[in-house]
Amino acid sequence: RGTWYPSAVLVGFGAGSCAAALGAWGGAALRVAAVELDPAVVAAVRAAHGVRIFETSLRSATDHPLSRARPKPHDRGASEVTVVDAATYVRTAPPGSIDALLLDAYDSEGRVPAHLQAERFVRDAAAALRRGGVVVANLFDSSEVARAESKAFSRRLRQAIGPVFALRVVGHEANMILVAIKRDGGPAYGGPSLDAVRGRLAA
């Protein structure tokens, strides 16, 4: 079966900073994979920020990036990115292959794409999550419409995944962070704790 690694999947690559931060924090004990719809974003991050990128592809439902071995050691310092729609990536992910799904994606008008809050996407995310895994969603909270959408999304997460916690972000933007925890169903957590893995690596 090979070595098991917890995996964090980022929906929306942005400037590459979140992937870099998680990679630095988790080290060799954590697999960080980003999903980005727009190849221009990936090119800009590489050119403007000098981020090393290891590009993967979603060839078919039976050949998903998360079903393959992690990037080779000399590529692990690079951000692993798949250019594809996140709904397709999550729908075709092996069951129980994702430990943390972080949603931070916005369209050209600054709105979270509706299909990434839809019931089907939430059901697919639930199937892809390992038991004990989490969905973390960064949502706008600056208008009545945005708040209504967040509440509806929270209900879907609760129904399909498990308990949902809401955290308001106070600062230059009014955002809401939703955290849903999968406590029942699907494969159980399959390896040692992240702290234990990092401790062995540091020894």
Protein backbone atom coordinates (compact mmCIF):
# COMPACT_ATOMS: atom_id res chain seq x y z
CA ARG A 1 0.00 0.00 0.00
CA GLY A 2 2.94 2.34 0.48
CA THR A 3 3.19 5.16 2.99
CA TRP A 4 -0.02 6.92 4.01
CA TYR A 5 0.04 10.71 4.09
CA PRO A 6 -2.75 13.05 5.20
CA SER A 7 -3.82 15.31 2.34
CA ALA A 8 -5.04 18.90 2.18
CA VAL A 9 -6.75 20.00 -1.04
CA LEU A 10 -6.99 23.72 -1.80
CA VAL A 11 -9.76 24.85 -4.12
CA GLY A 12 -8.39 28.06 -5.63
CA PHE A 13 -4.63 28.50 -5.93
CA GLY A 14 -4.63 32.29 -5.53
CA ALA A 15 -1.09 33.65 -5.17
CA GLY A 16 0.17 30.27 -3.98
CA SER A 17 0.67 31.55 -0.41
CA CYS A 18 -1.74 29.15 1.30
CA ALA A 19 -0.19 26.12 -0.40
CA ALA A 20 3.29 27.35 0.54
CA ALA A 21 2.28 27.94 4.17
CA LEU A 22 0.69 24.51 4.54
CA GLY A 23 3.67 22.89 2.85
CA ALA A 24 6.06 24.61 5.24
CA TRP A 25 3.95 23.71 8.27
CA GLY A 26 3.31 20.08 7.34
CA GLY A 27 6.68 19.36 5.79
CA ALA A 28 7.11 15.86 4.42
CA ALA A 29 4.23 14.61 6.60
CA LEU A 30 1.48 16.40 4.66
CA ARG A 31 0.48 16.23 1.00
CA VAL A 32 -0.80 19.61 -0.21
CA ALA A 33 -2.64 19.67 -3.54
CA ALA A 34 -4.20 22.73 -5.17
CA VAL A 35 -6.99 22.82 -7.74
CA GLU A 36 -7.17 25.84 -10.03
CA LEU A 37 -9.59 26.39 -12.92
CA ASP A 38 -7.67 29.14 -14.71
CA PRO A 39 -4.25 28.22 -16.15
CA ALA A 40 -3.43 31.95 -16.34
CA VAL A 41 -3.46 32.06 -12.53
CA VAL A 42 -0.91 29.25 -12.35
CA ALA A 43 1.28 30.96 -14.94
CA ALA A 44 1.08 34.28 -13.10
CA VAL A 45 2.04 32.70 -9.77
CA ARG A 46 5.02 31.05 -11.41
CA ALA A 47 6.13 34.18 -13.26
CA ALA A 48 5.33 36.93 -10.77
CA HIS A 49 6.04 35.18 -7.49
CA GLY A 50 8.65 32.67 -8.60
CA VAL A 51 6.71 29.76 -7.07
CA ARG A 52 7.90 26.32 -8.15
CA ILE A 53 4.93 24.34 -9.45
CA PHE A 54 4.51 20.62 -10.02
CA GLU A 55 1.57 20.33 -12.42
CA THR A 56 -0.57 17.21 -12.37
CA SER A 57 -3.49 16.20 -14.56
CA LEU A 58 -6.85 14.56 -14.05
CA ARG A 59 -6.75 11.99 -16.84
CA SER A 60 -9.85 10.01 -15.87
CA ALA A 61 -11.96 9.02 -12.89
CA THR A 62 -9.74 5.96 -12.47
CA ASP A 63 -6.51 7.95 -12.70
CA HIS A 64 -6.92 10.75 -10.18
CA PRO A 65 -3.89 12.69 -8.86
CA LEU A 66 -4.70 11.58 -5.30
CA SER A 67 -4.63 7.94 -6.36
CA ARG A 68 -1.04 8.31 -7.54
CA ALA A 69 2.11 8.45 -5.48
CA ARG A 70 3.13 11.82 -4.11
CA PRO A 71 5.55 13.87 -6.20
CA LYS A 72 9.12 12.59 -6.10
CA PRO A 73 11.40 13.99 -3.37
CA HIS A 74 13.01 16.58 -5.64
CA ASP A 75 9.55 17.95 -6.52
CA ARG A 76 8.15 18.15 -3.01
CA GLY A 77 9.32 21.72 -2.58
CA ALA A 78 6.99 22.71 -5.42
CA SER A 79 3.26 23.35 -5.21
CA GLU A 80 1.23 20.45 -6.62
CA VAL A 81 -1.46 21.96 -8.86
CA THR A 82 -4.13 20.41 -11.06
CA VAL A 83 -5.80 22.72 -13.61
CA VAL A 84 -9.38 21.49 -13.66
CA ASP A 85 -12.80 22.44 -12.33
CA ALA A 86 -12.89 21.68 -8.60
CA ALA A 87 -16.27 19.97 -8.87
CA THR A 88 -14.78 17.40 -11.25
CA TYR A 89 -11.68 16.96 -9.07
CA VAL A 90 -13.73 16.31 -5.93
CA ARG A 91 -16.34 14.13 -7.66
CA THR A 92 -13.66 11.80 -9.05
CA ALA A 93 -11.42 11.73 -5.96
CA PRO A 94 -10.98 8.28 -4.39
CA PRO A 95 -13.32 7.77 -1.43
CA GLY A 96 -11.70 8.86 1.82
CA SER A 97 -8.67 10.37 0.08
CA ILE A 98 -9.03 13.94 1.41
CA ASP A 99 -8.39 14.94 5.02
CA ALA A 100 -8.95 18.69 4.63
CA LEU A 101 -10.79 20.44 1.79
CA LEU A 102 -10.21 24.20 1.81
CA LEU A 103 -12.56 26.27 -0.33
CA ASP A 104 -11.28 29.73 -1.23
CA ALA A 105 -12.47 30.19 -4.81
CA TYR A 106 -14.15 33.21 -6.37
CA ASP A 107 -15.32 34.06 -9.87
CA SER A 108 -14.50 37.20 -11.87
CA GLU A 109 -17.22 39.10 -9.99
CA GLY A 110 -15.89 38.15 -6.58
CA ARG A 111 -18.59 35.57 -5.82
CA VAL A 112 -18.13 31.98 -4.73
CA PRO A 113 -19.11 29.86 -7.76
CA ALA A 114 -22.64 28.58 -7.16
CA HIS A 115 -21.82 25.01 -8.22
CA LEU A 116 -19.18 24.83 -5.47
CA GLN A 117 -21.91 25.39 -2.89
CA ALA A 118 -24.51 23.16 -4.54
CA GLU A 119 -25.92 20.00 -2.97
CA ARG A 120 -24.14 17.73 -5.46
CA PHE A 121 -20.72 19.23 -4.70
CA VAL A 122 -21.30 18.88 -0.96
CA ARG A 123 -22.32 15.22 -1.38
CA ASP A 124 -19.22 14.57 -3.50
CA ALA A 125 -17.05 16.28 -0.88
CA ALA A 126 -18.56 14.08 1.82
CA ALA A 127 -17.68 10.96 -0.17
CA ALA A 128 -14.11 12.15 -0.79
CA LEU A 129 -13.48 13.06 2.86
CA ARG A 130 -11.88 10.65 5.27
CA ARG A 131 -13.81 10.12 8.52
CA GLY A 132 -12.60 12.89 10.82
CA GLY A 133 -11.79 15.10 7.84
CA VAL A 134 -12.87 18.72 7.50
CA VAL A 135 -14.22 21.18 4.97
CA VAL A 136 -13.09 24.77 5.56
CA ALA A 137 -14.86 27.40 3.46
CA ASN A 138 -13.98 31.10 3.23
CA LEU A 139 -17.16 33.03 2.33
CA PHE A 140 -18.18 36.67 2.05
CA ASP A 141 -20.44 37.95 4.84
CA SER A 142 -20.91 41.54 3.70
CA SER A 143 -24.50 41.54 2.43
CA GLU A 144 -27.88 39.96 3.09
CA VAL A 145 -27.55 37.91 -0.09
CA ALA A 146 -24.11 36.62 0.92
CA ARG A 147 -25.33 35.77 4.42
CA ALA A 148 -28.32 33.89 3.02
CA GLU A 149 -26.04 31.90 0.71
CA SER A 150 -23.72 31.08 3.63
CA LYS A 151 -26.63 29.84 5.74
CA ALA A 152 -27.88 27.63 2.92
CA PHE A 153 -24.38 26.25 2.34
CA SER A 154 -24.00 25.61 6.07
CA ARG A 155 -27.23 23.57 6.07
CA ARG A 156 -26.00 21.46 3.16
CA LEU A 157 -22.66 20.85 4.89
CA ARG A 158 -24.40 19.84 8.11
CA GLN A 159 -26.77 17.45 6.34
CA ALA A 160 -24.12 15.73 4.19
CA ILE A 161 -20.98 15.91 6.34
CA GLY A 162 -21.55 16.68 10.01
CA PRO A 163 -21.31 19.45 12.61
CA VAL A 164 -20.60 22.94 11.27
CA PHE A 165 -18.86 25.76 13.11
CA ALA A 166 -18.92 29.39 11.94
CA LEU A 167 -16.16 31.93 12.57
CA ARG A 168 -16.47 35.59 11.60
CA VAL A 169 -13.36 37.31 10.26
CA VAL A 170 -12.99 40.89 11.50
CA GLY A 171 -10.76 43.17 9.48
CA HIS A 172 -10.67 44.90 6.13
CA GLU A 173 -13.21 42.41 4.75
CA ALA A 174 -16.34 40.89 6.25
CA ASN A 175 -15.87 37.16 5.80
CA MET A 176 -17.31 34.02 7.33
CA ILE A 177 -15.32 30.81 7.79
CA LEU A 178 -17.39 27.62 7.91
CA VAL A 179 -15.78 24.45 9.27
CA ALA A 180 -17.62 21.14 8.77
CA ILE A 181 -16.32 17.94 10.41
CA LYS A 182 -17.05 14.48 9.05
CA ARG A 183 -17.63 12.24 12.04
CA ASP A 184 -19.56 9.33 10.52
CA GLY A 185 -19.32 7.19 7.42
CA GLY A 186 -16.51 6.54 4.98
CA PRO A 187 -13.00 5.23 5.62
CA ALA A 188 -11.57 5.96 9.05
CA TYR A 189 -8.46 8.02 9.65
CA GLY A 190 -5.83 5.70 8.24
CA GLY A 191 -2.56 6.68 9.85
CA PRO A 192 -0.79 8.16 12.86
CA SER A 193 -1.41 11.71 14.00
CA LEU A 194 0.31 14.46 12.04
CA ASP A 195 2.29 15.44 15.16
CA ALA A 196 3.50 11.85 15.55
CA VAL A 197 4.59 11.67 11.92
CA ARG A 198 6.42 15.00 12.13
CA GLY A 199 8.08 13.88 15.37
CA ARG A 200 9.47 10.75 13.72
CA LEU A 201 10.69 12.76 10.74
CA ALA A 202 12.46 15.24 13.01
CA ALA A 203 14.11 12.52 15.11
